[in-house]
Amino acid sequence: MHKTYKDYALFLGAFFNSEMAQNIWKQESPDFSSSDDDFNQATQNMVKQRVQEQAQIKHRRKRRVVPAED
């Protein structure tokens, strides 16, 4: 089953039985917790990755148009 269909079904089910929908949702994606150090390390890794991606991008030079001499 596609994830979007399941999410939509849980969304609709929440109107009729919110506790059941919440239990199903938590079973599929339990709560996530992390410390400040973990967050800082993840942020630094993302910044390093972004810098590496920017270094790999080659910027094209604009072609100069030289007027033709008549």
PDB file of N, CA and C in Angstrom:
ATOM      1  N   MET A   1       0.846  -1.169   0.000  1.00  0.00           N
ATOM      2  CA  MET A   1       0.000   0.000   0.000  1.00  0.00           C
ATOM      3  C   MET A   1       0.899   1.242   0.000  1.00  0.00           C
ATOM      4  N   HIS A   2       0.526   2.215  -0.786  1.00  0.00           N
ATOM      5  CA  HIS A   2       1.301   3.446  -0.835  1.00  0.00           C
ATOM      6  C   HIS A   2       1.202   4.181   0.488  1.00  0.00           C
ATOM      7  N   LYS A   3       2.297   4.835   0.851  1.00  0.00           N
ATOM      8  CA  LYS A   3       2.332   5.571   2.114  1.00  0.00           C
ATOM      9  C   LYS A   3       1.299   6.691   2.130  1.00  0.00           C
ATOM     10  N   THR A   4       1.098   7.347   1.003  1.00  0.00           N
ATOM     11  CA  THR A   4       0.142   8.456   0.982  1.00  0.00           C
ATOM     12  C   THR A   4      -1.279   7.961   1.250  1.00  0.00           C
ATOM     13  N   TYR A   5      -1.621   6.782   0.735  1.00  0.00           N
ATOM     14  CA  TYR A   5      -2.954   6.230   0.993  1.00  0.00           C
ATOM     15  C   TYR A   5      -3.121   5.900   2.472  1.00  0.00           C
ATOM     16  N   LYS A   6      -2.066   5.360   3.052  1.00  0.00           N
ATOM     17  CA  LYS A   6      -2.134   4.999   4.467  1.00  0.00           C
ATOM     18  C   LYS A   6      -2.245   6.263   5.328  1.00  0.00           C
ATOM     19  N   ASP A   7      -1.471   7.283   4.997  1.00  0.00           N
ATOM     20  CA  ASP A   7      -1.548   8.547   5.736  1.00  0.00           C
ATOM     21  C   ASP A   7      -2.938   9.159   5.625  1.00  0.00           C
ATOM     22  N   TYR A   8      -3.514   9.099   4.431  1.00  0.00           N
ATOM     23  CA  TYR A   8      -4.857   9.644   4.223  1.00  0.00           C
ATOM     24  C   TYR A   8      -5.888   8.857   5.029  1.00  0.00           C
ATOM     25  N   ALA A   9      -5.727   7.537   5.059  1.00  0.00           N
ATOM     26  CA  ALA A   9      -6.651   6.708   5.829  1.00  0.00           C
ATOM     27  C   ALA A   9      -6.547   7.020   7.322  1.00  0.00           C
ATOM     28  N   LEU A  10      -5.327   7.214   7.813  1.00  0.00           N
ATOM     29  CA  LEU A  10      -5.157   7.575   9.225  1.00  0.00           C
ATOM     30  C   LEU A  10      -5.749   8.953   9.513  1.00  0.00           C
ATOM     31  N   PHE A  11      -5.594   9.859   8.558  1.00  0.00           N
ATOM     32  CA  PHE A  11      -6.161  11.196   8.723  1.00  0.00           C
ATOM     33  C   PHE A  11      -7.683  11.125   8.844  1.00  0.00           C
ATOM     34  N   LEU A  12      -8.308  10.354   7.962  1.00  0.00           N
ATOM     35  CA  LEU A  12      -9.762  10.222   8.022  1.00  0.00           C
ATOM     36  C   LEU A  12     -10.203   9.474   9.274  1.00  0.00           C
ATOM     37  N   GLY A  13      -9.458   8.444   9.645  1.00  0.00           N
ATOM     38  CA  GLY A  13      -9.805   7.666  10.824  1.00  0.00           C
ATOM     39  C   GLY A  13      -9.686   8.463  12.109  1.00  0.00           C
ATOM     40  N   ALA A  14      -8.833   9.486  12.102  1.00  0.00           N
ATOM     41  CA  ALA A  14      -8.648  10.296  13.305  1.00  0.00           C
ATOM     42  C   ALA A  14      -9.924  11.041  13.671  1.00  0.00           C
ATOM     43  N   PHE A  15     -10.796  11.307  12.702  1.00  0.00           N
ATOM     44  CA  PHE A  15     -12.048  11.995  12.999  1.00  0.00           C
ATOM     45  C   PHE A  15     -13.018  11.092  13.770  1.00  0.00           C
ATOM     46  N   PHE A  16     -12.953   9.788  13.495  1.00  0.00           N
ATOM     47  CA  PHE A  16     -13.892   8.857  14.117  1.00  0.00           C
ATOM     48  C   PHE A  16     -13.336   8.207  15.373  1.00  0.00           C
ATOM     49  N   ASN A  17     -12.047   7.868  15.364  1.00  0.00           N
ATOM     50  CA  ASN A  17     -11.422   7.226  16.521  1.00  0.00           C
ATOM     51  C   ASN A  17      -9.993   7.740  16.613  1.00  0.00           C
ATOM     52  N   SER A  18      -9.827   8.849  17.303  1.00  0.00           N
ATOM     53  CA  SER A  18      -8.525   9.514  17.342  1.00  0.00           C
ATOM     54  C   SER A  18      -7.474   8.706  18.090  1.00  0.00           C
ATOM     55  N   GLU A  19      -7.881   7.982  19.135  1.00  0.00           N
ATOM     56  CA  GLU A  19      -6.913   7.200  19.904  1.00  0.00           C
ATOM     57  C   GLU A  19      -6.330   6.072  19.065  1.00  0.00           C
ATOM     58  N   MET A  20      -7.173   5.385  18.304  1.00  0.00           N
ATOM     59  CA  MET A  20      -6.704   4.295  17.463  1.00  0.00           C
ATOM     60  C   MET A  20      -5.758   4.814  16.379  1.00  0.00           C
ATOM     61  N   ALA A  21      -6.115   5.929  15.762  1.00  0.00           N
ATOM     62  CA  ALA A  21      -5.257   6.509  14.731  1.00  0.00           C
ATOM     63  C   ALA A  21      -3.913   6.918  15.316  1.00  0.00           C
ATOM     64  N   GLN A  22      -3.924   7.471  16.514  1.00  0.00           N
ATOM     65  CA  GLN A  22      -2.679   7.883  17.158  1.00  0.00           C
ATOM     66  C   GLN A  22      -1.814   6.668  17.482  1.00  0.00           C
ATOM     67  N   ASN A  23      -2.416   5.574  17.939  1.00  0.00           N
ATOM     68  CA  ASN A  23      -1.658   4.355  18.243  1.00  0.00           C
ATOM     69  C   ASN A  23      -1.016   3.783  16.982  1.00  0.00           C
ATOM     70  N   ILE A  24      -1.763   3.741  15.898  1.00  0.00           N
ATOM     71  CA  ILE A  24      -1.216   3.228  14.634  1.00  0.00           C
ATOM     72  C   ILE A  24      -0.074   4.118  14.158  1.00  0.00           C
ATOM     73  N   TRP A  25      -0.271   5.421  14.272  1.00  0.00           N
ATOM     74  CA  TRP A  25       0.756   6.368  13.838  1.00  0.00           C
ATOM     75  C   TRP A  25       2.037   6.183  14.649  1.00  0.00           C
ATOM     76  N   LYS A  26       1.915   6.003  15.964  1.00  0.00           N
ATOM     77  CA  LYS A  26       3.093   5.844  16.818  1.00  0.00           C
ATOM     78  C   LYS A  26       3.790   4.514  16.578  1.00  0.00           C
ATOM     79  N   GLN A  27       3.033   3.469  16.217  1.00  0.00           N
ATOM     80  CA  GLN A  27       3.658   2.184  15.915  1.00  0.00           C
ATOM     81  C   GLN A  27       4.533   2.291  14.671  1.00  0.00           C
ATOM     82  N   GLU A  28       4.065   3.043  13.697  1.00  0.00           N
ATOM     83  CA  GLU A  28       4.807   3.164  12.450  1.00  0.00           C
ATOM     84  C   GLU A  28       6.018   4.082  12.584  1.00  0.00           C
ATOM     85  N   SER A  29       5.875   5.161  13.297  1.00  0.00           N
ATOM     86  CA  SER A  29       6.991   6.094  13.467  1.00  0.00           C
ATOM     87  C   SER A  29       7.042   6.527  14.931  1.00  0.00           C
ATOM     88  N   PRO A  30       7.795   5.787  15.752  1.00  0.00           N
ATOM     89  CA  PRO A  30       7.874   6.138  17.176  1.00  0.00           C
ATOM     90  C   PRO A  30       8.545   7.494  17.383  1.00  0.00           C
ATOM     91  N   ASP A  31       8.340   8.039  18.560  1.00  0.00           N
ATOM     92  CA  ASP A  31       8.935   9.330  18.889  1.00  0.00           C
ATOM     93  C   ASP A  31      10.449   9.253  18.791  1.00  0.00           C
ATOM     94  N   PHE A  32      11.051  10.336  18.362  1.00  0.00           N
ATOM     95  CA  PHE A  32      12.496  10.407  18.203  1.00  0.00           C
ATOM     96  C   PHE A  32      13.025  11.427  19.188  1.00  0.00           C
ATOM     97  N   SER A  33      14.104  11.074  19.849  1.00  0.00           N
ATOM     98  CA  SER A  33      14.711  12.028  20.773  1.00  0.00           C
ATOM     99  C   SER A  33      16.216  12.046  20.540  1.00  0.00           C
ATOM    100  N   SER A  34      16.802  13.205  20.760  1.00  0.00           N
ATOM    101  CA  SER A  34      18.247  13.348  20.614  1.00  0.00           C
ATOM    102  C   SER A  34      18.726  14.427  21.573  1.00  0.00           C
ATOM    103  N   SER A  35      20.013  14.386  21.836  1.00  0.00           N
ATOM    104  CA  SER A  35      20.588  15.383  22.738  1.00  0.00           C
ATOM    105  C   SER A  35      21.055  16.591  21.930  1.00  0.00           C
ATOM    106  N   ASP A  36      21.455  17.626  22.623  1.00  0.00           N
ATOM    107  CA  ASP A  36      21.958  18.820  21.949  1.00  0.00           C
ATOM    108  C   ASP A  36      23.224  18.518  21.169  1.00  0.00           C
ATOM    109  N   ASP A  37      24.072  17.642  21.718  1.00  0.00           N
ATOM    110  CA  ASP A  37      25.305  17.278  21.032  1.00  0.00           C
ATOM    111  C   ASP A  37      25.005  16.563  19.710  1.00  0.00           C
ATOM    112  N   ASP A  38      24.024  15.661  19.732  1.00  0.00           N
ATOM    113  CA  ASP A  38      23.633  14.972  18.501  1.00  0.00           C
ATOM    114  C   ASP A  38      23.126  15.961  17.464  1.00  0.00           C
ATOM    115  N   PHE A  39      22.327  16.922  17.912  1.00  0.00           N
ATOM    116  CA  PHE A  39      21.797  17.932  17.004  1.00  0.00           C
ATOM    117  C   PHE A  39      22.918  18.771  16.406  1.00  0.00           C
ATOM    118  N   ASN A  40      23.865  19.194  17.240  1.00  0.00           N
ATOM    119  CA  ASN A  40      24.984  20.006  16.754  1.00  0.00           C
ATOM    120  C   ASN A  40      25.832  19.230  15.752  1.00  0.00           C
ATOM    121  N   GLN A  41      26.072  17.956  16.027  1.00  0.00           N
ATOM    122  CA  GLN A  41      26.866  17.132  15.121  1.00  0.00           C
ATOM    123  C   GLN A  41      26.143  16.946  13.784  1.00  0.00           C
ATOM    124  N   ALA A  42      24.841  16.712  13.830  1.00  0.00           N
ATOM    125  CA  ALA A  42      24.071  16.554  12.600  1.00  0.00           C
ATOM    126  C   ALA A  42      24.076  17.846  11.789  1.00  0.00           C
ATOM    127  N   THR A  43      23.970  18.973  12.471  1.00  0.00           N
ATOM    128  CA  THR A  43      23.989  20.263  11.789  1.00  0.00           C
ATOM    129  C   THR A  43      25.338  20.503  11.125  1.00  0.00           C
ATOM    130  N   GLN A  44      26.418  20.190  11.834  1.00  0.00           N
ATOM    131  CA  GLN A  44      27.754  20.362  11.263  1.00  0.00           C
ATOM    132  C   GLN A  44      27.954  19.458  10.048  1.00  0.00           C
ATOM    133  N   ASN A  45      27.448  18.240  10.107  1.00  0.00           N
ATOM    134  CA  ASN A  45      27.563  17.333   8.968  1.00  0.00           C
ATOM    135  C   ASN A  45      26.803  17.867   7.761  1.00  0.00           C
ATOM    136  N   MET A  46      25.635  18.445   7.989  1.00  0.00           N
ATOM    137  CA  MET A  46      24.861  19.012   6.886  1.00  0.00           C
ATOM    138  C   MET A  46      25.587  20.199   6.270  1.00  0.00           C
ATOM    139  N   VAL A  47      26.220  21.032   7.102  1.00  0.00           N
ATOM    140  CA  VAL A  47      26.956  22.188   6.593  1.00  0.00           C
ATOM    141  C   VAL A  47      28.148  21.721   5.766  1.00  0.00           C
ATOM    142  N   LYS A  48      28.868  20.714   6.255  1.00  0.00           N
ATOM    143  CA  LYS A  48      30.017  20.182   5.511  1.00  0.00           C
ATOM    144  C   LYS A  48      29.579  19.617   4.169  1.00  0.00           C
ATOM    145  N   GLN A  49      28.469  18.900   4.158  1.00  0.00           N
ATOM    146  CA  GLN A  49      27.965  18.329   2.920  1.00  0.00           C
ATOM    147  C   GLN A  49      27.578  19.432   1.940  1.00  0.00           C
ATOM    148  N   ARG A  50      26.960  20.479   2.435  1.00  0.00           N
ATOM    149  CA  ARG A  50      26.550  21.597   1.583  1.00  0.00           C
ATOM    150  C   ARG A  50      27.768  22.289   0.982  1.00  0.00           C
ATOM    151  N   VAL A  51      28.828  22.467   1.773  1.00  0.00           N
ATOM    152  CA  VAL A  51      30.050  23.106   1.285  1.00  0.00           C
ATOM    153  C   VAL A  51      30.685  22.245   0.196  1.00  0.00           C
ATOM    154  N   GLN A  52      30.697  20.919   0.397  1.00  0.00           N
ATOM    155  CA  GLN A  52      31.257  20.021  -0.609  1.00  0.00           C
ATOM    156  C   GLN A  52      30.452  20.075  -1.898  1.00  0.00           C
ATOM    157  N   GLU A  53      29.140  20.130  -1.787  1.00  0.00           N
ATOM    158  CA  GLU A  53      28.305  20.214  -2.981  1.00  0.00           C
ATOM    159  C   GLU A  53      28.553  21.515  -3.732  1.00  0.00           C
ATOM    160  N   GLN A  54      28.702  22.607  -3.013  1.00  0.00           N
ATOM    161  CA  GLN A  54      28.951  23.899  -3.647  1.00  0.00           C
ATOM    162  C   GLN A  54      30.307  23.906  -4.334  1.00  0.00           C
ATOM    163  N   ALA A  55      31.293  23.203  -3.771  1.00  0.00           N
ATOM    164  CA  ALA A  55      32.629  23.161  -4.360  1.00  0.00           C
ATOM    165  C   ALA A  55      32.621  22.360  -5.660  1.00  0.00           C
ATOM    166  N   GLN A  56      31.711  21.407  -5.785  1.00  0.00           N
ATOM    167  CA  GLN A  56      31.663  20.560  -6.964  1.00  0.00           C
ATOM    168  C   GLN A  56      30.929  21.223  -8.131  1.00  0.00           C
ATOM    169  N   ILE A  57      30.145  22.224  -7.851  1.00  0.00           N
ATOM    170  CA  ILE A  57      29.390  22.897  -8.904  1.00  0.00           C
ATOM    171  C   ILE A  57      30.342  23.772  -9.713  1.00  0.00           C
ATOM    172  N   LYS A  58      30.354  23.569 -11.017  1.00  0.00           N
ATOM    173  CA  LYS A  58      31.193  24.385 -11.894  1.00  0.00           C
ATOM    174  C   LYS A  58      30.324  25.482 -12.491  1.00  0.00           C
ATOM    175  N   HIS A  59      30.754  26.689 -12.287  1.00  0.00           N
ATOM    176  CA  HIS A  59      30.015  27.820 -12.819  1.00  0.00           C
ATOM    177  C   HIS A  59      30.480  28.084 -14.244  1.00  0.00           C
ATOM    178  N   ARG A  60      29.533  28.208 -15.136  1.00  0.00           N
ATOM    179  CA  ARG A  60      29.865  28.485 -16.530  1.00  0.00           C
ATOM    180  C   ARG A  60      30.108  29.971 -16.708  1.00  0.00           C
ATOM    181  N   ARG A  61      31.108  30.267 -17.483  1.00  0.00           N
ATOM    182  CA  ARG A  61      31.394  31.673 -17.772  1.00  0.00           C
ATOM    183  C   ARG A  61      30.471  32.152 -18.872  1.00  0.00           C
ATOM    184  N   LYS A  62      30.106  33.390 -18.775  1.00  0.00           N
ATOM    185  CA  LYS A  62      29.272  33.981 -19.795  1.00  0.00           C
ATOM    186  C   LYS A  62      30.129  34.317 -21.010  1.00  0.00           C
ATOM    187  N   ARG A  63      29.636  34.011 -22.164  1.00  0.00           N
ATOM    188  CA  ARG A  63      30.374  34.278 -23.388  1.00  0.00           C
ATOM    189  C   ARG A  63      30.303  35.776 -23.704  1.00  0.00           C
ATOM    190  N   ARG A  64      31.449  36.330 -23.969  1.00  0.00           N
ATOM    191  CA  ARG A  64      31.485  37.750 -24.325  1.00  0.00           C
ATOM    192  C   ARG A  64      31.174  37.913 -25.790  1.00  0.00           C
ATOM    193  N   VAL A  65      30.326  38.851 -26.080  1.00  0.00           N
ATOM    194  CA  VAL A  65      29.963  39.132 -27.465  1.00  0.00           C
ATOM    195  C   VAL A  65      30.860  40.249 -27.970  1.00  0.00           C
ATOM    196  N   VAL A  66      31.609  39.928 -29.013  1.00  0.00           N
ATOM    197  CA  VAL A  66      32.511  40.920 -29.611  1.00  0.00           C
ATOM    198  C   VAL A  66      31.821  41.435 -30.866  1.00  0.00           C
ATOM    199  N   PRO A  67      31.605  42.736 -30.949  1.00  0.00           N
ATOM    200  CA  PRO A  67      30.918  43.268 -32.139  1.00  0.00           C
ATOM    201  C   PRO A  67      31.778  43.033 -33.393  1.00  0.00           C
ATOM    202  N   ALA A  68      31.096  42.670 -34.468  1.00  0.00           N
ATOM    203  CA  ALA A  68      31.792  42.419 -35.728  1.00  0.00           C
ATOM    204  C   ALA A  68      32.270  43.724 -36.335  1.00  0.00           C
ATOM    205  N   GLU A  69      33.445  43.682 -36.874  1.00  0.00           N
ATOM    206  CA  GLU A  69      33.985  44.881 -37.516  1.00  0.00           C
ATOM    207  C   GLU A  69      33.568  44.888 -38.976  1.00  0.00           C
ATOM    208  N   ASP A  70      33.031  45.983 -39.427  1.00  0.00           N
ATOM    209  CA  ASP A  70      32.579  46.102 -40.825  1.00  0.00           C
ATOM    210  C   ASP A  70      33.642  46.686 -41.676  1.00  0.00           C
TER     211      ASP A  70
END
